[in-house]
Amino acid sequence: MAKVIMIQGTMSNAGKSFLAAGLCRIFKQDGLKTAPFKSQNMALNSYITRDGLEMGRAQVMQAEAAGIEPEAAMNPILLKPTSNMGSQLIVNGEVRGDMPAKEYFRRKKSLIPDILRAYDSLADEFDIIVIEGAGSPAEINLKADDIVNMGLAKLVDAPVLLAGDIDRGGVFAQLYGTVELLEEDERKMIKGLIINKFRGDKTILDPGVAMLEEKC
């Protein structure tokens, strides 16, 4: 089975997709056969694979970074919004139908076997799987049925790197707050914190980094 690493973020647009793509390229350059994976994506625009299946475009970009052909197993659950309250559900590249958000949240744990089949098919073929989470693992209203952040990390025993976006401001609160809202076993899965999109003189940041290291 492949080794695995996971990028999670403190929020949407923290840079998870590009960080995962960067890891895919680094591992490829190191001579390792690498594949991206994201258990659940939400996007209006999908990519059609060579065999006619739909998947999220972020994993296509990551597959290109890894130098491999995109396949639907890299994104087993794709939600294409049809309204503010519902989406079309696509499972392993094929449409399952439309459903309101409440029904999807009620049913999504039943999709875990589909997710694991897709993951295992890649793990049998590749040396390393680079997993991207979605949103934030500290969305505590969603934690009970999580299949894309710590819920998935536990299923596949993935070490996690947590990324915060300094462009938004409050990056130390983002990272510390996220860690503190996790369960103890989830905190132990986090192996590093990333301050993403930083520009300028790093020494100005150093006192905050030291305090963050101490607190986390």
C-alpha atoms as a PDB file:
ATOM      1  CA  MET A   1       0.000   0.000   0.000  1.00  0.00           C
ATOM      2  CA  ALA A   2       1.098   3.549  -0.728  1.00  0.00           C
ATOM      3  CA  LYS A   3       2.408   5.956   1.867  1.00  0.00           C
ATOM      4  CA  VAL A   4       0.151   8.952   2.443  1.00  0.00           C
ATOM      5  CA  ILE A   5       0.274  12.598   3.474  1.00  0.00           C
ATOM      6  CA  MET A   6      -2.628  15.018   3.841  1.00  0.00           C
ATOM      7  CA  ILE A   7      -2.955  18.795   3.485  1.00  0.00           C
ATOM      8  CA  GLN A   8      -5.758  20.393   5.489  1.00  0.00           C
ATOM      9  CA  GLY A   9      -6.506  24.105   5.830  1.00  0.00           C
ATOM     10  CA  THR A  10      -7.872  26.527   8.355  1.00  0.00           C
ATOM     11  CA  MET A  11     -10.465  27.652   5.772  1.00  0.00           C
ATOM     12  CA  SER A  12     -11.349  27.449   2.114  1.00  0.00           C
ATOM     13  CA  ASN A  13      -8.790  29.107  -0.187  1.00  0.00           C
ATOM     14  CA  ALA A  14      -5.923  28.667   2.280  1.00  0.00           C
ATOM     15  CA  GLY A  15      -3.938  27.152  -0.607  1.00  0.00           C
ATOM     16  CA  LYS A  16      -4.524  23.436  -0.047  1.00  0.00           C
ATOM     17  CA  SER A  17      -4.853  22.611  -3.743  1.00  0.00           C
ATOM     18  CA  PHE A  18      -1.575  24.262  -4.727  1.00  0.00           C
ATOM     19  CA  LEU A  19       0.311  22.879  -1.724  1.00  0.00           C
ATOM     20  CA  ALA A  20      -0.894  19.383  -2.629  1.00  0.00           C
ATOM     21  CA  ALA A  21       0.124  19.961  -6.241  1.00  0.00           C
ATOM     22  CA  GLY A  22       3.558  21.106  -5.069  1.00  0.00           C
ATOM     23  CA  LEU A  23       4.017  17.920  -3.052  1.00  0.00           C
ATOM     24  CA  CYS A  24       2.909  15.853  -6.054  1.00  0.00           C
ATOM     25  CA  ARG A  25       5.586  17.506  -8.185  1.00  0.00           C
ATOM     26  CA  ILE A  26       8.305  17.154  -5.522  1.00  0.00           C
ATOM     27  CA  PHE A  27       7.579  13.446  -5.034  1.00  0.00           C
ATOM     28  CA  LYS A  28       7.547  12.926  -8.825  1.00  0.00           C
ATOM     29  CA  GLN A  29      10.932  14.636  -9.080  1.00  0.00           C
ATOM     30  CA  ASP A  30      12.161  12.301  -6.338  1.00  0.00           C
ATOM     31  CA  GLY A  31      11.249   9.352  -8.591  1.00  0.00           C
ATOM     32  CA  LEU A  32       8.134   8.301  -6.669  1.00  0.00           C
ATOM     33  CA  LYS A  33       4.907   7.371  -8.419  1.00  0.00           C
ATOM     34  CA  THR A  34       2.452   9.831  -6.868  1.00  0.00           C
ATOM     35  CA  ALA A  35      -1.308  10.385  -7.076  1.00  0.00           C
ATOM     36  CA  PRO A  36      -3.576  13.113  -5.674  1.00  0.00           C
ATOM     37  CA  PHE A  37      -6.805  12.379  -3.810  1.00  0.00           C
ATOM     38  CA  LYS A  38      -9.716  14.410  -2.479  1.00  0.00           C
ATOM     39  CA  SER A  39     -12.642  12.429  -1.150  1.00  0.00           C
ATOM     40  CA  GLN A  40     -15.235  15.194  -1.614  1.00  0.00           C
ATOM     41  CA  ASN A  41     -15.135  18.216  -3.882  1.00  0.00           C
ATOM     42  CA  MET A  42     -17.711  20.917  -4.503  1.00  0.00           C
ATOM     43  CA  ALA A  43     -17.453  22.670  -7.869  1.00  0.00           C
ATOM     44  CA  LEU A  44     -19.690  23.747 -10.715  1.00  0.00           C
ATOM     45  CA  ASN A  45     -17.140  22.892 -13.383  1.00  0.00           C
ATOM     46  CA  SER A  46     -15.953  19.315 -13.733  1.00  0.00           C
ATOM     47  CA  TYR A  47     -13.351  17.598 -15.887  1.00  0.00           C
ATOM     48  CA  ILE A  48     -14.248  14.687 -18.151  1.00  0.00           C
ATOM     49  CA  THR A  49     -11.690  11.877 -18.023  1.00  0.00           C
ATOM     50  CA  ARG A  50     -10.555   9.822 -21.010  1.00  0.00           C
ATOM     51  CA  ASP A  51     -13.155   7.161 -20.108  1.00  0.00           C
ATOM     52  CA  GLY A  52     -15.989   9.708 -19.871  1.00  0.00           C
ATOM     53  CA  LEU A  53     -16.198  10.119 -16.074  1.00  0.00           C
ATOM     54  CA  GLU A  54     -16.463  13.403 -14.148  1.00  0.00           C
ATOM     55  CA  MET A  55     -14.046  14.664 -11.497  1.00  0.00           C
ATOM     56  CA  GLY A  56     -12.944  17.890  -9.847  1.00  0.00           C
ATOM     57  CA  ARG A  57     -10.471  20.069 -11.731  1.00  0.00           C
ATOM     58  CA  ALA A  58      -8.137  20.596  -8.766  1.00  0.00           C
ATOM     59  CA  GLN A  59      -7.175  16.923  -8.805  1.00  0.00           C
ATOM     60  CA  VAL A  60      -6.620  17.145 -12.563  1.00  0.00           C
ATOM     61  CA  MET A  61      -4.106  19.939 -11.979  1.00  0.00           C
ATOM     62  CA  GLN A  62      -2.468  17.868  -9.225  1.00  0.00           C
ATOM     63  CA  ALA A  63      -2.321  14.806 -11.494  1.00  0.00           C
ATOM     64  CA  GLU A  64      -0.580  16.935 -14.123  1.00  0.00           C
ATOM     65  CA  ALA A  65       1.911  18.044 -11.455  1.00  0.00           C
ATOM     66  CA  ALA A  66       2.521  14.362 -10.690  1.00  0.00           C
ATOM     67  CA  GLY A  67       2.926  13.584 -14.390  1.00  0.00           C
ATOM     68  CA  ILE A  68       0.033  11.105 -14.561  1.00  0.00           C
ATOM     69  CA  GLU A  69      -3.326  10.717 -16.294  1.00  0.00           C
ATOM     70  CA  PRO A  70      -6.273  12.035 -14.232  1.00  0.00           C
ATOM     71  CA  GLU A  71      -8.792   9.410 -13.166  1.00  0.00           C
ATOM     72  CA  ALA A  72     -12.108   9.649 -11.338  1.00  0.00           C
ATOM     73  CA  ALA A  73     -10.787   7.638  -8.365  1.00  0.00           C
ATOM     74  CA  MET A  74      -8.762  10.722  -7.429  1.00  0.00           C
ATOM     75  CA  ASN A  75     -12.030  12.508  -6.542  1.00  0.00           C
ATOM     76  CA  PRO A  76     -14.709   9.923  -5.693  1.00  0.00           C
ATOM     77  CA  ILE A  77     -17.375  12.408  -4.490  1.00  0.00           C
ATOM     78  CA  LEU A  78     -18.133  15.509  -6.546  1.00  0.00           C
ATOM     79  CA  LEU A  79     -20.968  17.882  -5.603  1.00  0.00           C
ATOM     80  CA  LYS A  80     -22.168  20.236  -8.337  1.00  0.00           C
ATOM     81  CA  PRO A  81     -24.443  22.893  -6.791  1.00  0.00           C
ATOM     82  CA  THR A  82     -27.862  23.244  -8.402  1.00  0.00           C
ATOM     83  CA  SER A  83     -29.177  25.830  -5.894  1.00  0.00           C
ATOM     84  CA  ASN A  84     -28.292  27.387  -2.541  1.00  0.00           C
ATOM     85  CA  MET A  85     -29.720  24.290  -0.856  1.00  0.00           C
ATOM     86  CA  GLY A  86     -28.853  21.337  -3.085  1.00  0.00           C
ATOM     87  CA  SER A  87     -26.385  19.692  -5.454  1.00  0.00           C
ATOM     88  CA  GLN A  88     -26.010  17.041  -8.084  1.00  0.00           C
ATOM     89  CA  LEU A  89     -24.148  14.100  -6.559  1.00  0.00           C
ATOM     90  CA  ILE A  90     -21.470  12.403  -8.642  1.00  0.00           C
ATOM     91  CA  VAL A  91     -19.866   9.241  -7.228  1.00  0.00           C
ATOM     92  CA  ASN A  92     -16.704   7.855  -8.810  1.00  0.00           C
ATOM     93  CA  GLY A  93     -17.394   9.821 -11.950  1.00  0.00           C
ATOM     94  CA  GLU A  94     -21.063   8.903 -12.442  1.00  0.00           C
ATOM     95  CA  VAL A  95     -24.202  10.897 -11.607  1.00  0.00           C
ATOM     96  CA  ARG A  96     -26.257   9.536  -8.687  1.00  0.00           C
ATOM     97  CA  GLY A  97     -28.906  12.270  -8.850  1.00  0.00           C
ATOM     98  CA  ASP A  98     -29.834  15.588  -7.248  1.00  0.00           C
ATOM     99  CA  MET A  99     -30.465  15.998  -3.536  1.00  0.00           C
ATOM    100  CA  PRO A 100     -30.942  18.773  -0.975  1.00  0.00           C
ATOM    101  CA  ALA A 101     -28.090  19.489   1.406  1.00  0.00           C
ATOM    102  CA  LYS A 102     -29.847  17.997   4.436  1.00  0.00           C
ATOM    103  CA  GLU A 103     -30.383  14.683   2.660  1.00  0.00           C
ATOM    104  CA  TYR A 104     -26.758  14.571   1.522  1.00  0.00           C
ATOM    105  CA  PHE A 105     -25.476  15.220   5.050  1.00  0.00           C
ATOM    106  CA  ARG A 106     -27.764  12.474   6.317  1.00  0.00           C
ATOM    107  CA  ARG A 107     -26.501   9.995   3.735  1.00  0.00           C
ATOM    108  CA  LYS A 108     -22.872  10.905   3.188  1.00  0.00           C
ATOM    109  CA  LYS A 109     -21.379   8.384   5.638  1.00  0.00           C
ATOM    110  CA  SER A 110     -22.938   5.683   3.471  1.00  0.00           C
ATOM    111  CA  LEU A 111     -20.511   6.826   0.746  1.00  0.00           C
ATOM    112  CA  ILE A 112     -17.443   5.805   2.771  1.00  0.00           C
ATOM    113  CA  PRO A 113     -17.187   2.403   1.002  1.00  0.00           C
ATOM    114  CA  ASP A 114     -17.130   4.220  -2.372  1.00  0.00           C
ATOM    115  CA  ILE A 115     -14.420   6.553  -1.087  1.00  0.00           C
ATOM    116  CA  LEU A 116     -12.278   3.722   0.280  1.00  0.00           C
ATOM    117  CA  ARG A 117     -12.616   1.654  -2.891  1.00  0.00           C
ATOM    118  CA  ALA A 118     -11.339   4.610  -4.889  1.00  0.00           C
ATOM    119  CA  TYR A 119      -8.521   5.273  -2.410  1.00  0.00           C
ATOM    120  CA  ASP A 120      -7.468   1.617  -2.251  1.00  0.00           C
ATOM    121  CA  SER A 121      -7.355   1.380  -6.050  1.00  0.00           C
ATOM    122  CA  LEU A 122      -4.814   4.212  -6.080  1.00  0.00           C
ATOM    123  CA  ALA A 123      -2.905   2.913  -3.057  1.00  0.00           C
ATOM    124  CA  ASP A 124      -2.378  -0.402  -4.883  1.00  0.00           C
ATOM    125  CA  GLU A 125      -0.903   1.400  -7.887  1.00  0.00           C
ATOM    126  CA  PHE A 126       1.132   4.307  -6.499  1.00  0.00           C
ATOM    127  CA  ASP A 127       3.984   4.891  -4.041  1.00  0.00           C
ATOM    128  CA  ILE A 128       2.495   7.981  -2.382  1.00  0.00           C
ATOM    129  CA  ILE A 129      -1.010   9.468  -2.143  1.00  0.00           C
ATOM    130  CA  VAL A 130      -1.244  13.221  -1.505  1.00  0.00           C
ATOM    131  CA  ILE A 131      -4.654  13.969   0.006  1.00  0.00           C
ATOM    132  CA  GLU A 132      -6.339  17.358   0.016  1.00  0.00           C
ATOM    133  CA  GLY A 133      -8.935  18.181   2.651  1.00  0.00           C
ATOM    134  CA  ALA A 134     -11.822  20.628   2.230  1.00  0.00           C
ATOM    135  CA  GLY A 135     -12.726  23.788   4.102  1.00  0.00           C
ATOM    136  CA  SER A 136     -11.563  23.371   7.692  1.00  0.00           C
ATOM    137  CA  PRO A 137     -11.335  20.380  10.050  1.00  0.00           C
ATOM    138  CA  ALA A 138     -12.625  22.681  12.817  1.00  0.00           C
ATOM    139  CA  GLU A 139     -16.094  23.116  11.318  1.00  0.00           C
ATOM    140  CA  ILE A 140     -17.500  21.584  14.479  1.00  0.00           C
ATOM    141  CA  ASN A 141     -21.092  21.571  13.201  1.00  0.00           C
ATOM    142  CA  LEU A 142     -19.990  19.118  10.470  1.00  0.00           C
ATOM    143  CA  LYS A 143     -17.516  16.953  12.405  1.00  0.00           C
ATOM    144  CA  ALA A 144     -19.869  14.108  13.298  1.00  0.00           C
ATOM    145  CA  ASP A 145     -20.267  13.060   9.650  1.00  0.00           C
ATOM    146  CA  ASP A 146     -16.911  14.216   8.296  1.00  0.00           C
ATOM    147  CA  ILE A 147     -15.567  12.236   5.328  1.00  0.00           C
ATOM    148  CA  VAL A 148     -13.066  14.733   3.907  1.00  0.00           C
ATOM    149  CA  ASN A 149     -10.872  16.094   6.729  1.00  0.00           C
ATOM    150  CA  MET A 150      -9.995  14.325  10.006  1.00  0.00           C
ATOM    151  CA  GLY A 151     -12.673  11.696   9.338  1.00  0.00           C
ATOM    152  CA  LEU A 152     -10.783  10.622   6.234  1.00  0.00           C
ATOM    153  CA  ALA A 153      -7.364  11.057   7.860  1.00  0.00           C
ATOM    154  CA  LYS A 154      -8.397   8.529  10.512  1.00  0.00           C
ATOM    155  CA  LEU A 155      -9.732   6.067   7.924  1.00  0.00           C
ATOM    156  CA  VAL A 156      -6.426   5.960   6.019  1.00  0.00           C
ATOM    157  CA  ASP A 157      -4.061   6.836   8.910  1.00  0.00           C
ATOM    158  CA  ALA A 158      -2.740   9.970   7.218  1.00  0.00           C
ATOM    159  CA  PRO A 159      -0.331  12.421   8.872  1.00  0.00           C
ATOM    160  CA  VAL A 160      -1.616  15.964   8.390  1.00  0.00           C
ATOM    161  CA  LEU A 161      -0.052  19.314   7.518  1.00  0.00           C
ATOM    162  CA  LEU A 162      -2.327  22.229   8.453  1.00  0.00           C
ATOM    163  CA  ALA A 163      -2.121  25.368   6.301  1.00  0.00           C
ATOM    164  CA  GLY A 164      -3.227  28.879   7.212  1.00  0.00           C
ATOM    165  CA  ASP A 165      -3.496  31.870   4.873  1.00  0.00           C
ATOM    166  CA  ILE A 166      -1.552  34.923   6.042  1.00  0.00           C
ATOM    167  CA  ASP A 167      -3.138  37.059   3.290  1.00  0.00           C
ATOM    168  CA  ARG A 168      -6.450  36.971   5.175  1.00  0.00           C
ATOM    169  CA  GLY A 169      -4.877  38.243   8.404  1.00  0.00           C
ATOM    170  CA  GLY A 170      -5.002  36.533  11.778  1.00  0.00           C
ATOM    171  CA  VAL A 171      -2.986  33.529  10.646  1.00  0.00           C
ATOM    172  CA  PHE A 172      -1.820  32.641  14.177  1.00  0.00           C
ATOM    173  CA  ALA A 173      -5.417  32.653  15.428  1.00  0.00           C
ATOM    174  CA  GLN A 174      -6.422  30.562  12.394  1.00  0.00           C
ATOM    175  CA  LEU A 175      -3.859  27.880  13.155  1.00  0.00           C
ATOM    176  CA  TYR A 176      -4.094  27.871  16.956  1.00  0.00           C
ATOM    177  CA  GLY A 177      -7.893  28.061  16.940  1.00  0.00           C
ATOM    178  CA  THR A 178      -8.146  25.165  14.509  1.00  0.00           C
ATOM    179  CA  VAL A 179      -5.801  22.979  16.560  1.00  0.00           C
ATOM    180  CA  GLU A 180      -7.631  23.788  19.801  1.00  0.00           C
ATOM    181  CA  LEU A 181     -11.039  22.879  18.361  1.00  0.00           C
ATOM    182  CA  LEU A 182      -9.834  19.402  17.392  1.00  0.00           C
ATOM    183  CA  GLU A 183     -10.092  16.295  19.541  1.00  0.00           C
ATOM    184  CA  GLU A 184      -6.913  15.120  21.270  1.00  0.00           C
ATOM    185  CA  ASP A 185      -6.421  12.172  18.894  1.00  0.00           C
ATOM    186  CA  GLU A 186      -6.857  14.527  15.927  1.00  0.00           C
ATOM    187  CA  ARG A 187      -4.273  16.979  17.260  1.00  0.00           C
ATOM    188  CA  LYS A 188      -1.754  14.147  17.379  1.00  0.00           C
ATOM    189  CA  MET A 189      -2.264  13.571  13.649  1.00  0.00           C
ATOM    190  CA  ILE A 190      -1.055  17.101  12.827  1.00  0.00           C
ATOM    191  CA  LYS A 191       2.682  16.903  12.093  1.00  0.00           C
ATOM    192  CA  GLY A 192       3.267  20.497  11.009  1.00  0.00           C
ATOM    193  CA  LEU A 193       1.721  23.934  10.551  1.00  0.00           C
ATOM    194  CA  ILE A 194       2.188  25.923   7.338  1.00  0.00           C
ATOM    195  CA  ILE A 195       1.917  29.702   7.109  1.00  0.00           C
ATOM    196  CA  ASN A 196       1.015  30.013   3.448  1.00  0.00           C
ATOM    197  CA  LYS A 197       1.313  32.995   1.062  1.00  0.00           C
ATOM    198  CA  PHE A 198       3.911  34.775   3.213  1.00  0.00           C
ATOM    199  CA  ARG A 199       5.950  37.552   1.581  1.00  0.00           C
ATOM    200  CA  GLY A 200       8.591  39.826   3.051  1.00  0.00           C
ATOM    201  CA  ASP A 201      11.044  39.633   5.947  1.00  0.00           C
ATOM    202  CA  LYS A 202      10.567  36.322   7.740  1.00  0.00           C
ATOM    203  CA  THR A 203      12.354  37.525  10.886  1.00  0.00           C
ATOM    204  CA  ILE A 204       9.350  39.776  11.654  1.00  0.00           C
ATOM    205  CA  LEU A 205       7.235  36.608  11.812  1.00  0.00           C
ATOM    206  CA  ASP A 206       9.631  34.606  14.002  1.00  0.00           C
ATOM    207  CA  PRO A 207       8.348  35.626  17.497  1.00  0.00           C
ATOM    208  CA  GLY A 208       4.818  34.551  16.544  1.00  0.00           C
ATOM    209  CA  VAL A 209       6.104  31.267  15.107  1.00  0.00           C
ATOM    210  CA  ALA A 210       7.979  30.534  18.338  1.00  0.00           C
ATOM    211  CA  MET A 211       4.871  31.223  20.432  1.00  0.00           C
ATOM    212  CA  LEU A 212       2.723  29.098  18.110  1.00  0.00           C
ATOM    213  CA  GLU A 213       5.199  26.207  18.383  1.00  0.00           C
ATOM    214  CA  GLU A 214       5.094  26.496  22.175  1.00  0.00           C
ATOM    215  CA  LYS A 215       1.301  26.595  22.368  1.00  0.00           C
ATOM    216  CA  CYS A 216       0.718  23.778  19.859  1.00  0.00           C
END
